[in-house]
């Protein structure tokens, strides 16, 4: 039962990332979102408030748009080159647990074996980009996934997502690492 819940949770994550900021075709009317970043004004230190996060900040690219009110805490770009979602972790989450979970569904290959950081860890890997339209899901490419777990003022957060290329994944990981109060 636990494994089924883990698989369903992983599938939900991929579907959310695909719909929100990671894959599939854009349903917006186009262009980049540089002019559409209301509420993402940078402070003098280069940080912006992470929407829906109760006081967290991060460094993000100028064209990053805050996720909608009531949505996942985080940012995305219309071209799917950048994005992340930020969640508070309840209980303990180890890198080994995250690796096992990542390998359960749509996994392709590890980009890195895992990096321990001063306040947590980072995982990066490739997953199959899936099109769920029609009767049978079909693979349409590759997404670059990441998960950054870190502590901020004694609370553990999971910053995660999937984007269209490795450069965007690296930018998202750096943004996740920058999260602070």
N, C-alpha and C. Protein backbone atom coordinates (compact mmCIF):
# COMPACT_ATOMS: atom_id res chain seq x y z
N UNK A 1 0.82 -1.19 0.00
CA UNK A 1 0.00 0.00 0.00
C UNK A 1 0.87 1.26 0.00
N UNK A 2 1.94 1.25 0.82
CA UNK A 2 2.83 2.41 0.90
C UNK A 2 3.47 2.67 -0.46
N UNK A 3 3.90 1.61 -1.16
CA UNK A 3 4.54 1.77 -2.47
C UNK A 3 3.54 2.36 -3.47
N UNK A 4 2.27 1.90 -3.42
CA UNK A 4 1.25 2.43 -4.32
C UNK A 4 1.06 3.92 -4.06
N UNK A 5 0.99 4.33 -2.79
CA UNK A 5 0.84 5.74 -2.46
C UNK A 5 2.04 6.54 -2.93
N UNK A 6 3.25 5.99 -2.81
CA UNK A 6 4.45 6.68 -3.29
C UNK A 6 4.40 6.86 -4.79
N UNK A 7 4.00 5.81 -5.52
CA UNK A 7 3.90 5.89 -6.98
C UNK A 7 2.85 6.93 -7.37
N UNK A 8 1.70 6.90 -6.71
CA UNK A 8 0.66 7.88 -7.01
C UNK A 8 1.12 9.29 -6.69
N UNK A 9 1.85 9.45 -5.61
CA UNK A 9 2.39 10.75 -5.25
C UNK A 9 3.38 11.23 -6.31
N UNK A 10 4.25 10.34 -6.78
CA UNK A 10 5.22 10.70 -7.82
C UNK A 10 4.52 11.07 -9.11
N UNK A 11 3.49 10.31 -9.47
CA UNK A 11 2.73 10.60 -10.68
C UNK A 11 2.04 11.95 -10.56
N UNK A 12 1.49 12.22 -9.39
CA UNK A 12 0.84 13.52 -9.15
C UNK A 12 1.84 14.64 -9.33
N UNK A 13 3.05 14.48 -8.79
CA UNK A 13 4.08 15.50 -8.93
C UNK A 13 4.39 15.76 -10.40
N UNK A 14 4.57 14.71 -11.17
CA UNK A 14 4.90 14.87 -12.59
C UNK A 14 3.74 15.53 -13.33
N UNK A 15 2.51 15.15 -13.01
CA UNK A 15 1.36 15.76 -13.66
C UNK A 15 1.26 17.24 -13.30
N UNK A 16 1.50 17.58 -12.04
CA UNK A 16 1.45 18.97 -11.61
C UNK A 16 2.55 19.76 -12.30
N UNK A 17 3.76 19.21 -12.31
CA UNK A 17 4.87 19.91 -12.94
C UNK A 17 4.60 20.09 -14.43
N UNK A 18 4.07 19.05 -15.07
CA UNK A 18 3.78 19.13 -16.49
C UNK A 18 2.73 20.19 -16.76
N UNK A 19 1.69 20.22 -15.95
CA UNK A 19 0.61 21.19 -16.15
C UNK A 19 1.05 22.60 -15.78
N UNK A 20 1.78 22.72 -14.68
CA UNK A 20 2.13 24.04 -14.15
C UNK A 20 3.32 24.65 -14.87
N UNK A 21 4.40 23.89 -14.96
CA UNK A 21 5.61 24.57 -15.38
C UNK A 21 6.65 23.66 -16.00
N UNK A 22 6.30 22.45 -16.41
CA UNK A 22 7.38 21.60 -16.84
C UNK A 22 7.24 20.95 -18.18
N UNK A 23 6.09 20.80 -18.73
CA UNK A 23 6.04 20.03 -19.96
C UNK A 23 4.73 20.23 -20.67
N UNK A 24 4.58 19.52 -21.77
CA UNK A 24 3.36 19.63 -22.54
C UNK A 24 3.35 20.94 -23.31
N UNK A 25 2.24 21.21 -23.98
CA UNK A 25 2.11 22.42 -24.75
C UNK A 25 1.56 23.54 -23.88
N UNK A 26 2.03 24.73 -24.12
CA UNK A 26 1.53 25.87 -23.38
C UNK A 26 0.12 26.19 -23.81
N UNK A 27 -0.71 26.54 -22.83
CA UNK A 27 -2.08 26.93 -23.17
C UNK A 27 -2.24 28.43 -23.08
N UNK A 28 -1.14 29.15 -22.86
CA UNK A 28 -1.21 30.60 -22.81
C UNK A 28 -1.10 31.14 -24.22
N UNK A 29 -1.40 32.41 -24.36
CA UNK A 29 -1.38 32.98 -25.69
C UNK A 29 0.01 33.36 -26.16
N UNK A 30 1.02 33.03 -25.35
CA UNK A 30 2.37 33.08 -25.91
C UNK A 30 3.27 34.15 -25.38
N UNK A 31 4.46 34.14 -25.96
CA UNK A 31 5.47 35.10 -25.59
C UNK A 31 6.16 34.71 -24.31
N UNK A 32 7.10 35.56 -23.93
CA UNK A 32 7.74 35.28 -22.66
C UNK A 32 7.02 36.07 -21.59
N UNK A 33 7.27 35.73 -20.37
CA UNK A 33 6.50 36.31 -19.28
C UNK A 33 7.23 37.46 -18.59
N UNK A 34 8.21 38.05 -19.23
CA UNK A 34 9.00 39.08 -18.57
C UNK A 34 8.16 40.24 -18.09
N UNK A 35 7.16 40.64 -18.84
CA UNK A 35 6.32 41.74 -18.42
C UNK A 35 5.18 41.31 -17.52
N UNK A 36 5.08 40.04 -17.21
CA UNK A 36 3.95 39.50 -16.47
C UNK A 36 4.36 39.02 -15.09
N UNK A 37 5.28 39.71 -14.46
CA UNK A 37 5.78 39.23 -13.18
C UNK A 37 5.35 40.12 -12.02
N UNK A 38 4.09 40.59 -12.06
CA UNK A 38 3.57 41.41 -10.97
C UNK A 38 3.73 40.66 -9.66
N UNK A 39 4.18 41.37 -8.63
CA UNK A 39 4.37 40.73 -7.34
C UNK A 39 5.73 40.08 -7.20
N UNK A 40 6.57 40.12 -8.22
CA UNK A 40 7.89 39.49 -8.16
C UNK A 40 8.98 40.57 -8.23
N UNK A 41 8.74 41.69 -7.57
CA UNK A 41 9.72 42.76 -7.60
C UNK A 41 10.93 42.40 -6.77
N UNK A 42 12.11 42.60 -7.35
CA UNK A 42 13.35 42.27 -6.66
C UNK A 42 13.71 43.34 -5.65
N UNK A 43 14.17 42.85 -4.50
CA UNK A 43 14.68 43.76 -3.48
C UNK A 43 16.09 44.16 -3.84
N UNK A 44 16.67 45.03 -3.06
CA UNK A 44 18.04 45.49 -3.29
C UNK A 44 19.03 44.33 -3.27
N UNK A 45 18.69 43.27 -2.53
CA UNK A 45 19.58 42.11 -2.44
C UNK A 45 19.36 41.10 -3.57
N UNK A 46 18.43 41.40 -4.50
CA UNK A 46 18.17 40.51 -5.64
C UNK A 46 17.16 39.41 -5.35
N UNK A 47 16.60 39.37 -4.15
CA UNK A 47 15.62 38.36 -3.79
C UNK A 47 14.20 38.87 -4.04
N UNK A 48 13.30 37.94 -4.34
CA UNK A 48 11.87 38.24 -4.49
C UNK A 48 11.09 37.35 -3.54
N UNK A 49 9.92 37.81 -3.15
CA UNK A 49 9.05 37.00 -2.31
C UNK A 49 8.55 35.80 -3.10
N UNK A 50 8.59 34.62 -2.50
CA UNK A 50 8.04 33.42 -3.13
C UNK A 50 6.54 33.42 -2.82
N UNK A 51 5.69 33.52 -3.85
CA UNK A 51 4.25 33.57 -3.60
C UNK A 51 3.76 32.31 -2.88
N UNK A 52 2.77 32.48 -2.04
CA UNK A 52 2.12 31.36 -1.34
C UNK A 52 3.05 30.60 -0.40
N UNK A 53 4.12 31.26 0.09
CA UNK A 53 5.10 30.56 0.91
C UNK A 53 5.20 31.05 2.34
N UNK A 54 4.43 32.04 2.71
CA UNK A 54 4.45 32.57 4.07
C UNK A 54 5.81 33.14 4.47
N UNK A 55 6.33 34.02 3.61
CA UNK A 55 7.51 34.77 4.00
C UNK A 55 8.86 34.34 3.45
N UNK A 56 8.90 33.35 2.58
CA UNK A 56 10.19 32.94 2.02
C UNK A 56 10.54 33.81 0.81
N UNK A 57 11.84 33.91 0.52
CA UNK A 57 12.36 34.66 -0.61
C UNK A 57 13.34 33.79 -1.38
N UNK A 58 13.54 34.14 -2.66
CA UNK A 58 14.51 33.42 -3.49
C UNK A 58 15.01 34.35 -4.59
N UNK A 59 16.14 34.00 -5.16
CA UNK A 59 16.63 34.68 -6.36
C UNK A 59 16.10 33.91 -7.56
N UNK A 60 15.44 34.61 -8.48
CA UNK A 60 14.87 33.98 -9.68
C UNK A 60 15.19 34.82 -10.90
N UNK A 61 15.16 34.23 -12.10
CA UNK A 61 15.40 35.01 -13.32
C UNK A 61 14.36 36.11 -13.50
N UNK A 62 14.72 37.14 -14.23
CA UNK A 62 13.81 38.27 -14.46
C UNK A 62 12.50 37.85 -15.14
N UNK A 63 12.54 36.81 -15.97
CA UNK A 63 11.33 36.42 -16.69
C UNK A 63 10.48 35.39 -15.93
N UNK A 64 10.81 35.13 -14.68
CA UNK A 64 10.03 34.17 -13.89
C UNK A 64 8.74 34.82 -13.41
N UNK A 65 7.65 34.11 -13.58
CA UNK A 65 6.33 34.56 -13.17
C UNK A 65 5.92 33.81 -11.91
N UNK A 66 5.40 34.52 -10.91
CA UNK A 66 4.93 33.82 -9.71
C UNK A 66 3.79 32.87 -10.05
N UNK A 67 3.79 31.69 -9.42
CA UNK A 67 2.65 30.79 -9.58
C UNK A 67 1.42 31.49 -8.99
N UNK A 68 0.26 31.15 -9.46
CA UNK A 68 -0.97 31.84 -9.09
C UNK A 68 -1.32 31.77 -7.62
N UNK A 69 -2.11 32.73 -7.18
CA UNK A 69 -2.57 32.77 -5.79
C UNK A 69 -3.35 31.51 -5.50
N UNK A 70 -3.03 30.88 -4.38
CA UNK A 70 -3.69 29.64 -4.02
C UNK A 70 -3.03 28.42 -4.65
N UNK A 71 -2.09 28.65 -5.56
CA UNK A 71 -1.40 27.55 -6.22
C UNK A 71 -0.16 27.16 -5.43
N UNK A 72 0.68 26.38 -6.06
CA UNK A 72 1.92 25.95 -5.43
C UNK A 72 2.84 27.14 -5.23
N UNK A 73 3.48 27.20 -4.07
CA UNK A 73 4.47 28.25 -3.83
C UNK A 73 5.58 28.06 -4.86
N UNK A 74 5.93 29.12 -5.59
CA UNK A 74 7.01 29.01 -6.56
C UNK A 74 6.83 29.90 -7.76
N UNK A 75 7.60 29.62 -8.80
CA UNK A 75 7.65 30.41 -10.02
C UNK A 75 7.69 29.50 -11.24
N UNK A 76 7.45 30.09 -12.41
CA UNK A 76 7.57 29.37 -13.68
C UNK A 76 7.80 30.40 -14.80
N UNK A 77 8.19 29.90 -15.96
CA UNK A 77 8.25 30.73 -17.16
C UNK A 77 7.33 30.11 -18.20
N UNK A 78 6.78 30.94 -19.07
CA UNK A 78 5.88 30.44 -20.10
C UNK A 78 6.57 29.47 -21.05
N UNK A 79 7.87 29.67 -21.28
CA UNK A 79 8.58 28.80 -22.22
C UNK A 79 9.10 27.50 -21.56
N UNK A 80 8.76 27.28 -20.31
CA UNK A 80 9.10 26.06 -19.57
C UNK A 80 10.60 25.87 -19.36
N UNK A 81 11.34 26.99 -19.43
CA UNK A 81 12.79 26.90 -19.23
C UNK A 81 13.18 27.04 -17.77
N UNK A 82 12.23 27.41 -16.92
CA UNK A 82 12.51 27.60 -15.50
C UNK A 82 11.21 27.39 -14.72
N UNK A 83 11.36 26.87 -13.54
CA UNK A 83 10.21 26.76 -12.66
C UNK A 83 10.55 25.92 -11.44
N UNK A 84 9.86 26.20 -10.35
CA UNK A 84 9.96 25.35 -9.17
C UNK A 84 8.73 25.51 -8.30
N UNK A 85 8.50 24.50 -7.50
CA UNK A 85 7.46 24.52 -6.48
C UNK A 85 8.14 24.27 -5.15
N UNK A 86 7.63 24.89 -4.11
CA UNK A 86 8.24 24.82 -2.80
C UNK A 86 7.22 24.34 -1.79
N UNK A 87 7.55 23.27 -1.06
CA UNK A 87 6.66 22.68 -0.07
C UNK A 87 7.39 22.53 1.25
N UNK A 88 6.65 22.68 2.33
CA UNK A 88 7.17 22.38 3.66
C UNK A 88 7.18 20.86 3.81
N UNK A 89 8.27 20.32 4.36
CA UNK A 89 8.39 18.87 4.55
C UNK A 89 7.90 18.52 5.95
N UNK A 90 6.97 17.60 6.02
CA UNK A 90 6.50 17.09 7.31
C UNK A 90 7.29 15.82 7.60
N UNK A 91 7.88 15.73 8.76
CA UNK A 91 8.69 14.55 9.11
C UNK A 91 10.06 14.65 8.48
N UNK A 92 10.68 13.51 8.29
CA UNK A 92 12.04 13.44 7.73
C UNK A 92 11.98 12.97 6.28
N UNK A 93 12.79 13.56 5.44
CA UNK A 93 12.91 13.13 4.04
C UNK A 93 14.38 12.98 3.73
N UNK A 94 14.81 11.75 3.46
CA UNK A 94 16.21 11.52 3.16
C UNK A 94 16.45 11.49 1.66
N UNK A 95 17.71 11.71 1.28
CA UNK A 95 18.08 11.64 -0.12
C UNK A 95 17.82 10.24 -0.67
N UNK A 96 18.07 9.22 0.13
CA UNK A 96 17.86 7.84 -0.32
C UNK A 96 16.38 7.58 -0.60
N UNK A 97 15.49 8.10 0.25
CA UNK A 97 14.05 7.96 0.01
C UNK A 97 13.65 8.67 -1.28
N UNK A 98 14.18 9.86 -1.47
CA UNK A 98 13.86 10.63 -2.67
C UNK A 98 14.36 9.94 -3.93
N UNK A 99 15.56 9.35 -3.87
CA UNK A 99 16.09 8.61 -5.02
C UNK A 99 15.18 7.43 -5.38
N UNK A 100 14.79 6.67 -4.38
CA UNK A 100 13.91 5.52 -4.61
C UNK A 100 12.59 5.97 -5.22
N UNK A 101 12.04 7.05 -4.71
CA UNK A 101 10.78 7.57 -5.23
C UNK A 101 10.92 8.04 -6.67
N UNK A 102 12.01 8.75 -6.97
CA UNK A 102 12.24 9.26 -8.33
C UNK A 102 12.35 8.13 -9.34
N UNK A 103 12.94 7.02 -8.94
CA UNK A 103 13.15 5.90 -9.86
C UNK A 103 11.89 5.06 -10.11
N UNK A 104 10.81 5.33 -9.39
CA UNK A 104 9.62 4.49 -9.50
C UNK A 104 8.76 4.77 -10.72
N UNK A 105 8.81 5.99 -11.27
CA UNK A 105 7.90 6.28 -12.37
C UNK A 105 8.52 7.29 -13.35
N UNK A 106 8.51 6.96 -14.62
CA UNK A 106 9.00 7.79 -15.73
C UNK A 106 10.48 8.14 -15.66
N UNK A 107 11.22 7.53 -14.76
CA UNK A 107 12.64 7.79 -14.58
C UNK A 107 13.42 7.37 -15.81
N UNK A 108 14.40 8.19 -16.22
CA UNK A 108 15.30 7.87 -17.33
C UNK A 108 16.72 7.61 -16.84
N UNK A 109 17.34 8.63 -16.21
CA UNK A 109 18.70 8.47 -15.72
C UNK A 109 19.06 9.60 -14.76
N UNK A 110 20.02 9.31 -13.90
CA UNK A 110 20.53 10.31 -12.97
C UNK A 110 21.47 11.25 -13.70
N UNK A 111 21.39 12.52 -13.41
CA UNK A 111 22.34 13.49 -13.93
C UNK A 111 23.49 13.59 -12.93
N UNK A 112 23.16 13.60 -11.67
CA UNK A 112 24.14 13.58 -10.59
C UNK A 112 23.72 12.54 -9.57
N UNK A 113 24.66 12.04 -8.83
CA UNK A 113 24.36 11.01 -7.82
C UNK A 113 23.81 11.59 -6.54
N UNK A 114 23.72 12.89 -6.47
CA UNK A 114 23.24 13.54 -5.27
C UNK A 114 24.34 14.38 -4.66
N UNK A 115 23.99 15.57 -4.27
CA UNK A 115 24.96 16.49 -3.68
C UNK A 115 24.47 16.86 -2.29
N UNK A 116 25.31 16.64 -1.30
CA UNK A 116 24.98 17.09 0.05
C UNK A 116 25.38 18.55 0.15
N UNK A 117 24.50 19.34 0.75
CA UNK A 117 24.78 20.76 0.94
C UNK A 117 24.87 21.04 2.44
N UNK A 118 25.23 22.25 2.76
CA UNK A 118 25.37 22.65 4.16
C UNK A 118 24.07 22.45 4.94
N UNK A 119 22.93 22.65 4.28
CA UNK A 119 21.65 22.58 4.97
C UNK A 119 20.68 21.58 4.36
N UNK A 120 21.18 20.60 3.59
CA UNK A 120 20.29 19.61 2.98
C UNK A 120 20.97 18.83 1.87
N UNK A 121 20.26 18.70 0.73
CA UNK A 121 20.81 17.95 -0.39
C UNK A 121 20.10 18.32 -1.69
N UNK A 122 20.73 17.89 -2.82
CA UNK A 122 20.22 18.16 -4.16
C UNK A 122 20.28 16.88 -4.99
N UNK A 123 19.19 16.58 -5.69
CA UNK A 123 19.16 15.49 -6.67
C UNK A 123 18.76 16.05 -8.03
N UNK A 124 19.35 15.51 -9.11
CA UNK A 124 18.98 15.90 -10.47
C UNK A 124 18.90 14.65 -11.33
N UNK A 125 17.88 14.58 -12.20
CA UNK A 125 17.70 13.41 -13.04
C UNK A 125 16.80 13.75 -14.23
N UNK A 126 16.77 12.84 -15.18
CA UNK A 126 15.91 12.98 -16.36
C UNK A 126 14.69 12.08 -16.20
N UNK A 127 13.53 12.59 -16.63
CA UNK A 127 12.30 11.80 -16.67
C UNK A 127 11.70 11.90 -18.06
N UNK A 128 10.88 10.92 -18.38
CA UNK A 128 10.17 10.96 -19.65
C UNK A 128 9.09 12.03 -19.58
N UNK A 129 9.03 12.86 -20.62
CA UNK A 129 7.92 13.80 -20.75
C UNK A 129 6.78 13.04 -21.39
N UNK A 130 5.62 13.07 -20.78
CA UNK A 130 4.50 12.26 -21.24
C UNK A 130 3.36 13.13 -21.74
N UNK A 131 2.69 12.64 -22.77
CA UNK A 131 1.46 13.25 -23.27
C UNK A 131 0.33 12.31 -22.86
N UNK A 132 -0.58 12.79 -22.01
CA UNK A 132 -1.66 11.96 -21.50
C UNK A 132 -2.95 12.13 -22.29
N UNK A 133 -2.90 12.90 -23.38
CA UNK A 133 -4.09 13.05 -24.23
C UNK A 133 -4.28 11.75 -25.02
N UNK A 134 -5.49 11.41 -25.26
CA UNK A 134 -5.77 10.19 -26.02
C UNK A 134 -5.93 9.00 -25.11
N UNK A 135 -6.06 7.85 -25.71
CA UNK A 135 -6.32 6.62 -24.95
C UNK A 135 -5.11 6.09 -24.22
N UNK A 136 -3.94 6.24 -24.81
CA UNK A 136 -2.71 5.73 -24.21
C UNK A 136 -1.70 6.86 -24.03
N UNK A 137 -1.08 6.95 -22.85
CA UNK A 137 -0.01 7.94 -22.69
C UNK A 137 1.15 7.63 -23.62
N UNK A 138 1.79 8.66 -24.13
CA UNK A 138 2.96 8.42 -24.96
C UNK A 138 4.09 9.37 -24.58
N UNK A 139 5.29 8.87 -24.71
CA UNK A 139 6.48 9.64 -24.39
C UNK A 139 6.76 10.61 -25.52
N UNK A 140 6.97 11.89 -25.15
CA UNK A 140 7.20 12.91 -26.16
C UNK A 140 8.54 13.62 -26.03
N UNK A 141 9.36 13.17 -25.10
CA UNK A 141 10.65 13.80 -24.91
C UNK A 141 11.17 13.57 -23.51
N UNK A 142 12.06 14.45 -23.08
CA UNK A 142 12.70 14.33 -21.78
C UNK A 142 12.54 15.64 -21.02
N UNK A 143 12.33 15.53 -19.72
CA UNK A 143 12.34 16.68 -18.83
C UNK A 143 13.50 16.53 -17.85
N UNK A 144 14.01 17.64 -17.38
CA UNK A 144 15.12 17.65 -16.43
C UNK A 144 14.55 17.97 -15.05
N UNK A 145 14.55 16.97 -14.19
CA UNK A 145 13.93 17.07 -12.86
C UNK A 145 14.97 17.36 -11.80
N UNK A 146 14.49 17.94 -10.71
CA UNK A 146 15.38 18.26 -9.60
C UNK A 146 14.58 18.26 -8.31
N UNK A 147 15.30 18.07 -7.23
CA UNK A 147 14.73 18.17 -5.89
C UNK A 147 15.82 18.70 -4.98
N UNK A 148 15.51 19.78 -4.29
CA UNK A 148 16.42 20.40 -3.34
C UNK A 148 15.71 20.41 -1.99
N UNK A 149 16.29 19.76 -1.02
CA UNK A 149 15.75 19.77 0.33
C UNK A 149 16.70 20.58 1.19
N UNK A 150 16.15 21.57 1.90
CA UNK A 150 16.99 22.45 2.72
C UNK A 150 16.21 22.94 3.92
N UNK A 151 16.95 23.34 4.93
CA UNK A 151 16.36 23.92 6.14
C UNK A 151 16.46 25.43 6.08
N UNK A 152 15.36 26.08 6.45
CA UNK A 152 15.32 27.53 6.57
C UNK A 152 14.74 27.83 7.94
N UNK A 153 15.51 28.45 8.79
CA UNK A 153 15.08 28.77 10.16
C UNK A 153 14.48 27.56 10.87
N UNK A 154 15.13 26.40 10.75
CA UNK A 154 14.70 25.20 11.45
C UNK A 154 13.58 24.41 10.80
N UNK A 155 13.02 24.91 9.71
CA UNK A 155 11.95 24.21 9.00
C UNK A 155 12.53 23.64 7.70
N UNK A 156 12.18 22.40 7.38
CA UNK A 156 12.68 21.75 6.16
C UNK A 156 11.71 22.00 5.01
N UNK A 157 12.27 22.37 3.86
CA UNK A 157 11.49 22.62 2.64
C UNK A 157 12.01 21.75 1.51
N UNK A 158 11.09 21.40 0.61
CA UNK A 158 11.39 20.64 -0.59
C UNK A 158 11.10 21.56 -1.78
N UNK A 159 12.11 21.87 -2.55
CA UNK A 159 11.99 22.71 -3.73
C UNK A 159 12.21 21.80 -4.93
N UNK A 160 11.23 21.69 -5.81
CA UNK A 160 11.30 20.67 -6.86
C UNK A 160 10.61 21.12 -8.13
N UNK A 161 10.89 20.39 -9.20
CA UNK A 161 10.25 20.67 -10.48
C UNK A 161 10.90 19.90 -11.60
N UNK A 162 10.44 20.21 -12.80
CA UNK A 162 10.99 19.61 -14.03
C UNK A 162 10.86 20.66 -15.13
N UNK A 163 11.93 20.85 -15.88
CA UNK A 163 11.96 21.85 -16.93
C UNK A 163 12.48 21.24 -18.23
N UNK A 164 12.47 22.04 -19.28
CA UNK A 164 12.75 21.49 -20.61
C UNK A 164 14.22 21.24 -20.93
N UNK A 165 15.15 21.86 -20.19
CA UNK A 165 16.56 21.63 -20.52
C UNK A 165 17.44 21.70 -19.28
N UNK A 166 18.67 21.24 -19.45
CA UNK A 166 19.59 21.15 -18.32
C UNK A 166 19.99 22.52 -17.78
N UNK A 167 20.13 23.51 -18.65
CA UNK A 167 20.48 24.86 -18.19
C UNK A 167 19.38 25.41 -17.28
N UNK A 168 18.13 25.21 -17.66
CA UNK A 168 17.01 25.66 -16.83
C UNK A 168 16.96 24.94 -15.50
N UNK A 169 17.30 23.65 -15.53
CA UNK A 169 17.34 22.87 -14.29
C UNK A 169 18.41 23.43 -13.36
N UNK A 170 19.57 23.73 -13.90
CA UNK A 170 20.65 24.29 -13.07
C UNK A 170 20.24 25.63 -12.48
N UNK A 171 19.56 26.47 -13.26
CA UNK A 171 19.09 27.76 -12.76
C UNK A 171 18.06 27.57 -11.65
N UNK A 172 17.16 26.61 -11.83
CA UNK A 172 16.14 26.34 -10.81
C UNK A 172 16.77 25.81 -9.53
N UNK A 173 17.76 24.93 -9.67
CA UNK A 173 18.45 24.41 -8.49
C UNK A 173 19.12 25.56 -7.72
N UNK A 174 19.77 26.47 -8.42
CA UNK A 174 20.41 27.61 -7.76
C UNK A 174 19.37 28.48 -7.06
N UNK A 175 18.20 28.68 -7.70
CA UNK A 175 17.14 29.44 -7.04
C UNK A 175 16.66 28.72 -5.78
N UNK A 176 16.49 27.41 -5.87
CA UNK A 176 16.07 26.64 -4.70
C UNK A 176 17.09 26.75 -3.57
N UNK A 177 18.36 26.68 -3.91
CA UNK A 177 19.41 26.80 -2.90
C UNK A 177 19.40 28.18 -2.24
N UNK A 178 18.91 29.19 -2.95
CA UNK A 178 18.92 30.55 -2.42
C UNK A 178 17.76 30.85 -1.48
N UNK A 179 16.78 29.97 -1.36
CA UNK A 179 15.60 30.24 -0.56
C UNK A 179 15.98 30.57 0.88
N UNK A 180 15.36 31.66 1.38
CA UNK A 180 15.63 32.10 2.75
C UNK A 180 14.41 32.86 3.26
N UNK A 181 14.43 33.20 4.55
CA UNK A 181 13.36 34.02 5.16
C UNK A 181 13.64 35.46 4.86
